[in-house]
Amino acid sequence: MGELTGTHTAHLCIDMQRMFAEPTEWHAPWLLCILPAIEAIVDRLPARTIFTRFIPPASAEEAVGAWRDYYRKWASMTRSRLPPELLELVPSLARYVPPARVVDKPVYSPWFNADLVGALRGAEIDTIIVSGGETDICVTAAVLGAIDHGFRVVLPTDAVFGSADETHDAMLRVFESRFGLQLVTCTTQDLLDELRYAS
């Protein structure tokens, strides 16, 4: 393998769910634009892909602390009002489960789930490819948590999306300028070219 990945690489795909792809208050138009890049990565690493799903509470009153105010603003996105099928992965990615796995999370970061860390440690993973959305929120939480846990991060910049171009671009600049010893950015094609030679 080359400089981007290794034999102990996993793919963590963040929140590619129908509630962000379809017309809701959280609709993110860029999701569908970067979906082909993610599909290509998952197709190459189906058994080493873990999808996260962001799962809101049933109501604002079930949330903790400042999350209550958050869900009072976004009441339409609580589970009591959101059609349950919109929590699912977009269909073109859901078809990979299994062998890909799904980890649910109630907050931005997936690292509150101890099973995720345990599964990665058990598989001797040392490098994590991060894709999905949103760049300036849940992707950032996933990247920083991975770094905190000692994983090397590979970020294909055309396989992540945000809702605001300004903050998406700003976070990519932060990743590239501040985390150079722990994170590498690349294009999806660069990644696929290297994965083609993986055993």
C-alpha atoms as a PDB file:
ATOM      1  CA  MET A   1       0.000   0.000   0.000  1.00  0.00           C
ATOM      2  CA  GLY A   2       0.989   3.608  -0.460  1.00  0.00           C
ATOM      3  CA  GLU A   3       0.984   6.720   1.673  1.00  0.00           C
ATOM      4  CA  LEU A   4      -2.773   7.129   2.051  1.00  0.00           C
ATOM      5  CA  THR A   5      -3.895   3.801   3.461  1.00  0.00           C
ATOM      6  CA  GLY A   6      -2.650   0.536   4.864  1.00  0.00           C
ATOM      7  CA  THR A   7      -3.799  -2.997   5.461  1.00  0.00           C
ATOM      8  CA  HIS A   8      -5.469  -1.862   8.708  1.00  0.00           C
ATOM      9  CA  THR A   9      -7.758   0.786   7.221  1.00  0.00           C
ATOM     10  CA  ALA A  10     -11.467   1.335   7.888  1.00  0.00           C
ATOM     11  CA  HIS A  11     -13.978   3.721   6.325  1.00  0.00           C
ATOM     12  CA  LEU A  12     -16.183   5.780   8.647  1.00  0.00           C
ATOM     13  CA  CYS A  13     -19.048   7.302   6.655  1.00  0.00           C
ATOM     14  CA  ILE A  14     -20.915  10.004   8.522  1.00  0.00           C
ATOM     15  CA  ASP A  15     -24.707  10.497   8.480  1.00  0.00           C
ATOM     16  CA  MET A  16     -25.585   9.805   4.842  1.00  0.00           C
ATOM     17  CA  GLN A  17     -29.267   9.658   5.713  1.00  0.00           C
ATOM     18  CA  ARG A  18     -32.469  10.339   3.872  1.00  0.00           C
ATOM     19  CA  MET A  19     -33.377  13.200   6.237  1.00  0.00           C
ATOM     20  CA  PHE A  20     -30.427  15.152   4.839  1.00  0.00           C
ATOM     21  CA  ALA A  21     -30.951  14.050   1.232  1.00  0.00           C
ATOM     22  CA  GLU A  22     -34.692  14.728   1.009  1.00  0.00           C
ATOM     23  CA  PRO A  23     -36.834  17.842   1.587  1.00  0.00           C
ATOM     24  CA  THR A  24     -36.716  18.428   5.347  1.00  0.00           C
ATOM     25  CA  GLU A  25     -35.563  21.370   7.427  1.00  0.00           C
ATOM     26  CA  TRP A  26     -32.141  19.701   7.476  1.00  0.00           C
ATOM     27  CA  HIS A  27     -31.941  19.140   3.719  1.00  0.00           C
ATOM     28  CA  ALA A  28     -28.330  19.422   2.534  1.00  0.00           C
ATOM     29  CA  PRO A  29     -28.196  19.797  -1.269  1.00  0.00           C
ATOM     30  CA  TRP A  30     -24.500  18.929  -1.492  1.00  0.00           C
ATOM     31  CA  LEU A  31     -25.134  15.416  -0.166  1.00  0.00           C
ATOM     32  CA  LEU A  32     -26.304  14.120  -3.527  1.00  0.00           C
ATOM     33  CA  CYS A  33     -23.388  15.838  -5.273  1.00  0.00           C
ATOM     34  CA  ILE A  34     -20.769  13.903  -3.323  1.00  0.00           C
ATOM     35  CA  LEU A  35     -22.752  10.668  -3.093  1.00  0.00           C
ATOM     36  CA  PRO A  36     -21.050   9.031  -6.132  1.00  0.00           C
ATOM     37  CA  ALA A  37     -17.638   9.520  -4.487  1.00  0.00           C
ATOM     38  CA  ILE A  38     -18.831   7.824  -1.297  1.00  0.00           C
ATOM     39  CA  GLU A  39     -20.459   5.020  -3.254  1.00  0.00           C
ATOM     40  CA  ALA A  40     -17.132   4.361  -4.957  1.00  0.00           C
ATOM     41  CA  ILE A  41     -15.264   4.181  -1.638  1.00  0.00           C
ATOM     42  CA  VAL A  42     -17.852   1.912  -0.036  1.00  0.00           C
ATOM     43  CA  ASP A  43     -17.879  -0.323  -3.099  1.00  0.00           C
ATOM     44  CA  ARG A  44     -14.151  -0.833  -2.633  1.00  0.00           C
ATOM     45  CA  LEU A  45     -14.350  -1.373   1.150  1.00  0.00           C
ATOM     46  CA  PRO A  46     -17.832  -2.736   1.942  1.00  0.00           C
ATOM     47  CA  ALA A  47     -16.797  -4.965   4.841  1.00  0.00           C
ATOM     48  CA  ARG A  48     -14.558  -2.259   6.306  1.00  0.00           C
ATOM     49  CA  THR A  49     -17.186   0.503   6.161  1.00  0.00           C
ATOM     50  CA  ILE A  50     -19.064   1.730   9.210  1.00  0.00           C
ATOM     51  CA  PHE A  51     -21.993   4.064   8.575  1.00  0.00           C
ATOM     52  CA  THR A  52     -23.155   6.402  11.319  1.00  0.00           C
ATOM     53  CA  ARG A  53     -26.715   7.605  11.675  1.00  0.00           C
ATOM     54  CA  PHE A  54     -27.644  10.753  13.601  1.00  0.00           C
ATOM     55  CA  ILE A  55     -30.728   9.854  15.672  1.00  0.00           C
ATOM     56  CA  PRO A  56     -32.668  12.758  17.223  1.00  0.00           C
ATOM     57  CA  PRO A  57     -34.680  12.310  20.423  1.00  0.00           C
ATOM     58  CA  ALA A  58     -38.413  11.689  20.299  1.00  0.00           C
ATOM     59  CA  SER A  59     -38.974  15.213  21.640  1.00  0.00           C
ATOM     60  CA  ALA A  60     -37.030  18.196  22.910  1.00  0.00           C
ATOM     61  CA  GLU A  61     -37.960  17.250  26.475  1.00  0.00           C
ATOM     62  CA  GLU A  62     -36.083  13.952  26.118  1.00  0.00           C
ATOM     63  CA  ALA A  63     -32.873  15.765  25.185  1.00  0.00           C
ATOM     64  CA  VAL A  64     -30.141  16.668  27.670  1.00  0.00           C
ATOM     65  CA  GLY A  65     -29.080  20.184  28.631  1.00  0.00           C
ATOM     66  CA  ALA A  66     -28.505  22.590  25.749  1.00  0.00           C
ATOM     67  CA  TRP A  67     -29.799  19.958  23.321  1.00  0.00           C
ATOM     68  CA  ARG A  68     -33.306  20.800  24.585  1.00  0.00           C
ATOM     69  CA  ASP A  69     -33.055  24.323  23.175  1.00  0.00           C
ATOM     70  CA  TYR A  70     -31.605  22.900  19.982  1.00  0.00           C
ATOM     71  CA  TYR A  71     -34.566  20.575  19.452  1.00  0.00           C
ATOM     72  CA  ARG A  72     -37.105  23.195  20.427  1.00  0.00           C
ATOM     73  CA  LYS A  73     -35.825  25.092  17.398  1.00  0.00           C
ATOM     74  CA  TRP A  74     -35.779  21.951  15.226  1.00  0.00           C
ATOM     75  CA  ALA A  75     -38.948  20.320  16.579  1.00  0.00           C
ATOM     76  CA  SER A  76     -39.852  19.051  13.093  1.00  0.00           C
ATOM     77  CA  MET A  77     -36.736  16.868  13.170  1.00  0.00           C
ATOM     78  CA  THR A  78     -37.559  15.047  16.400  1.00  0.00           C
ATOM     79  CA  ARG A  79     -38.589  11.404  16.056  1.00  0.00           C
ATOM     80  CA  SER A  80     -42.169  12.092  17.122  1.00  0.00           C
ATOM     81  CA  ARG A  81     -42.627  14.247  14.022  1.00  0.00           C
ATOM     82  CA  LEU A  82     -40.117  12.892  11.525  1.00  0.00           C
ATOM     83  CA  PRO A  83     -41.167   9.904   9.390  1.00  0.00           C
ATOM     84  CA  PRO A  84     -38.981   7.045  10.678  1.00  0.00           C
ATOM     85  CA  GLU A  85     -37.845   6.010   7.202  1.00  0.00           C
ATOM     86  CA  LEU A  86     -36.022   9.337   6.864  1.00  0.00           C
ATOM     87  CA  LEU A  87     -33.567   8.206   9.563  1.00  0.00           C
ATOM     88  CA  GLU A  88     -32.353   5.450   7.237  1.00  0.00           C
ATOM     89  CA  LEU A  89     -29.294   5.587   5.023  1.00  0.00           C
ATOM     90  CA  VAL A  90     -29.825   6.726   1.447  1.00  0.00           C
ATOM     91  CA  PRO A  91     -30.797   3.641  -0.582  1.00  0.00           C
ATOM     92  CA  SER A  92     -27.630   3.433  -2.675  1.00  0.00           C
ATOM     93  CA  LEU A  93     -25.579   3.048   0.522  1.00  0.00           C
ATOM     94  CA  ALA A  94     -28.073   1.014   2.560  1.00  0.00           C
ATOM     95  CA  ARG A  95     -27.658  -1.837   0.073  1.00  0.00           C
ATOM     96  CA  TYR A  96     -24.117  -2.387   1.387  1.00  0.00           C
ATOM     97  CA  VAL A  97     -25.399  -3.316   4.880  1.00  0.00           C
ATOM     98  CA  PRO A  98     -24.278  -5.999   5.536  1.00  0.00           C
ATOM     99  CA  PRO A  99     -21.318  -6.472   5.257  1.00  0.00           C
ATOM    100  CA  ALA A 100     -21.013  -2.780   6.150  1.00  0.00           C
ATOM    101  CA  ARG A 101     -22.190  -1.928   9.662  1.00  0.00           C
ATOM    102  CA  VAL A 102     -24.302   0.871  11.128  1.00  0.00           C
ATOM    103  CA  VAL A 103     -23.608   2.760  14.363  1.00  0.00           C
ATOM    104  CA  ASP A 104     -26.281   5.118  15.710  1.00  0.00           C
ATOM    105  CA  LYS A 105     -25.397   8.260  17.614  1.00  0.00           C
ATOM    106  CA  PRO A 106     -27.508  10.882  19.450  1.00  0.00           C
ATOM    107  CA  VAL A 107     -24.872  13.634  19.166  1.00  0.00           C
ATOM    108  CA  TYR A 108     -22.412  14.981  16.607  1.00  0.00           C
ATOM    109  CA  SER A 109     -19.559  12.664  17.562  1.00  0.00           C
ATOM    110  CA  PRO A 110     -19.647   8.916  16.959  1.00  0.00           C
ATOM    111  CA  TRP A 111     -17.013   8.359  19.638  1.00  0.00           C
ATOM    112  CA  PHE A 112     -19.488   8.275  22.542  1.00  0.00           C
ATOM    113  CA  ASN A 113     -20.223   4.749  21.348  1.00  0.00           C
ATOM    114  CA  ALA A 114     -17.660   2.532  23.085  1.00  0.00           C
ATOM    115  CA  ASP A 115     -18.521  -0.321  20.740  1.00  0.00           C
ATOM    116  CA  LEU A 116     -17.121   1.681  17.817  1.00  0.00           C
ATOM    117  CA  VAL A 117     -13.719   2.103  19.424  1.00  0.00           C
ATOM    118  CA  GLY A 118     -13.703  -1.523  20.534  1.00  0.00           C
ATOM    119  CA  ALA A 119     -14.548  -2.804  17.068  1.00  0.00           C
ATOM    120  CA  LEU A 120     -11.807  -0.745  15.463  1.00  0.00           C
ATOM    121  CA  ARG A 121      -9.234  -1.766  18.074  1.00  0.00           C
ATOM    122  CA  GLY A 122     -10.278  -5.404  17.729  1.00  0.00           C
ATOM    123  CA  ALA A 123      -9.691  -5.242  13.982  1.00  0.00           C
ATOM    124  CA  GLU A 124      -6.289  -3.607  14.570  1.00  0.00           C
ATOM    125  CA  ILE A 125      -7.360  -0.538  12.604  1.00  0.00           C
ATOM    126  CA  ASP A 126      -4.816   2.264  12.581  1.00  0.00           C
ATOM    127  CA  THR A 127      -6.116   4.433   9.701  1.00  0.00           C
ATOM    128  CA  ILE A 128      -9.628   5.762   9.191  1.00  0.00           C
ATOM    129  CA  ILE A 129     -11.021   7.207   5.980  1.00  0.00           C
ATOM    130  CA  VAL A 130     -13.721   9.738   6.900  1.00  0.00           C
ATOM    131  CA  SER A 131     -16.480  10.728   4.477  1.00  0.00           C
ATOM    132  CA  GLY A 132     -19.994  12.156   4.668  1.00  0.00           C
ATOM    133  CA  GLY A 133     -21.402  15.242   6.309  1.00  0.00           C
ATOM    134  CA  GLU A 134     -21.471  17.812   7.465  1.00  0.00           C
ATOM    135  CA  THR A 135     -17.873  18.950   7.131  1.00  0.00           C
ATOM    136  CA  ASP A 136     -18.055  21.651   9.799  1.00  0.00           C
ATOM    137  CA  ILE A 137     -20.097  19.686  12.347  1.00  0.00           C
ATOM    138  CA  CYS A 138     -20.352  15.890  12.448  1.00  0.00           C
ATOM    139  CA  VAL A 139     -17.380  15.237  10.164  1.00  0.00           C
ATOM    140  CA  THR A 140     -15.259  17.525  12.323  1.00  0.00           C
ATOM    141  CA  ALA A 141     -16.407  15.694  15.465  1.00  0.00           C
ATOM    142  CA  ALA A 142     -15.544  12.356  13.832  1.00  0.00           C
ATOM    143  CA  VAL A 143     -12.138  13.539  12.651  1.00  0.00           C
ATOM    144  CA  LEU A 144     -11.083  15.094  15.952  1.00  0.00           C
ATOM    145  CA  GLY A 145     -12.294  12.077  17.911  1.00  0.00           C
ATOM    146  CA  ALA A 146     -10.380   9.731  15.625  1.00  0.00           C
ATOM    147  CA  ILE A 147      -7.240  11.791  16.147  1.00  0.00           C
ATOM    148  CA  ASP A 148      -7.795  11.806  19.919  1.00  0.00           C
ATOM    149  CA  HIS A 149      -8.007   8.001  19.845  1.00  0.00           C
ATOM    150  CA  GLY A 150      -4.727   7.808  17.970  1.00  0.00           C
ATOM    151  CA  PHE A 151      -6.030   6.907  14.526  1.00  0.00           C
ATOM    152  CA  ARG A 152      -4.494   8.380  11.408  1.00  0.00           C
ATOM    153  CA  VAL A 153      -7.191  10.083   9.325  1.00  0.00           C
ATOM    154  CA  VAL A 154      -7.540  10.159   5.548  1.00  0.00           C
ATOM    155  CA  LEU A 155     -10.018  12.770   4.334  1.00  0.00           C
ATOM    156  CA  PRO A 156     -11.069  12.669   0.662  1.00  0.00           C
ATOM    157  CA  THR A 157     -12.177  16.272   0.293  1.00  0.00           C
ATOM    158  CA  ASP A 158     -14.638  15.566  -2.519  1.00  0.00           C
ATOM    159  CA  ALA A 159     -16.401  12.937  -0.387  1.00  0.00           C
ATOM    160  CA  VAL A 160     -17.472  15.310   2.399  1.00  0.00           C
ATOM    161  CA  PHE A 161     -20.167  17.977   2.252  1.00  0.00           C
ATOM    162  CA  GLY A 162     -21.494  20.920   4.190  1.00  0.00           C
ATOM    163  CA  SER A 163     -24.558  23.128   3.985  1.00  0.00           C
ATOM    164  CA  ALA A 164     -22.520  26.318   3.835  1.00  0.00           C
ATOM    165  CA  ASP A 165     -19.642  26.627   1.380  1.00  0.00           C
ATOM    166  CA  GLU A 166     -17.806  29.147   3.572  1.00  0.00           C
ATOM    167  CA  THR A 167     -17.573  26.926   6.650  1.00  0.00           C
ATOM    168  CA  HIS A 168     -16.975  23.773   4.578  1.00  0.00           C
ATOM    169  CA  ASP A 169     -13.996  25.432   2.894  1.00  0.00           C
ATOM    170  CA  ALA A 170     -12.784  26.879   6.189  1.00  0.00           C
ATOM    171  CA  MET A 171     -12.770  23.488   7.910  1.00  0.00           C
ATOM    172  CA  LEU A 172     -10.824  21.909   5.064  1.00  0.00           C
ATOM    173  CA  ARG A 173      -8.217  24.649   5.468  1.00  0.00           C
ATOM    174  CA  VAL A 174      -8.060  23.981   9.215  1.00  0.00           C
ATOM    175  CA  PHE A 175      -7.613  20.240   8.670  1.00  0.00           C
ATOM    176  CA  GLU A 176      -4.839  20.787   6.145  1.00  0.00           C
ATOM    177  CA  SER A 177      -3.006  23.467   8.099  1.00  0.00           C
ATOM    178  CA  ARG A 178      -3.304  22.253  11.696  1.00  0.00           C
ATOM    179  CA  PHE A 179      -3.342  18.445  11.600  1.00  0.00           C
ATOM    180  CA  GLY A 180      -0.698  17.589   9.016  1.00  0.00           C
ATOM    181  CA  LEU A 181       0.998  14.967  11.205  1.00  0.00           C
ATOM    182  CA  GLN A 182      -2.256  13.128  11.949  1.00  0.00           C
ATOM    183  CA  LEU A 183      -4.413  13.718   8.884  1.00  0.00           C
ATOM    184  CA  VAL A 184      -3.932  13.684   5.138  1.00  0.00           C
ATOM    185  CA  THR A 185      -6.346  15.108   2.565  1.00  0.00           C
ATOM    186  CA  CYS A 186      -6.705  13.696  -0.919  1.00  0.00           C
ATOM    187  CA  THR A 187      -9.195  13.260  -3.736  1.00  0.00           C
ATOM    188  CA  THR A 188     -11.449  10.232  -3.965  1.00  0.00           C
ATOM    189  CA  GLN A 189      -9.711   9.222  -7.184  1.00  0.00           C
ATOM    190  CA  ASP A 190      -6.303   9.301  -5.462  1.00  0.00           C
ATOM    191  CA  LEU A 191      -7.735   7.074  -2.748  1.00  0.00           C
ATOM    192  CA  LEU A 192      -9.338   4.650  -5.209  1.00  0.00           C
ATOM    193  CA  ASP A 193      -6.145   4.433  -7.243  1.00  0.00           C
ATOM    194  CA  GLU A 194      -4.303   3.308  -4.138  1.00  0.00           C
ATOM    195  CA  LEU A 195      -7.033   0.985  -2.883  1.00  0.00           C
ATOM    196  CA  ARG A 196      -7.045  -0.775  -6.240  1.00  0.00           C
ATOM    197  CA  TYR A 197      -3.776  -2.370  -5.243  1.00  0.00           C
ATOM    198  CA  ALA A 198      -4.931  -3.414  -1.771  1.00  0.00           C
ATOM    199  CA  SER A 199      -4.875  -7.094  -1.025  1.00  0.00           C
END
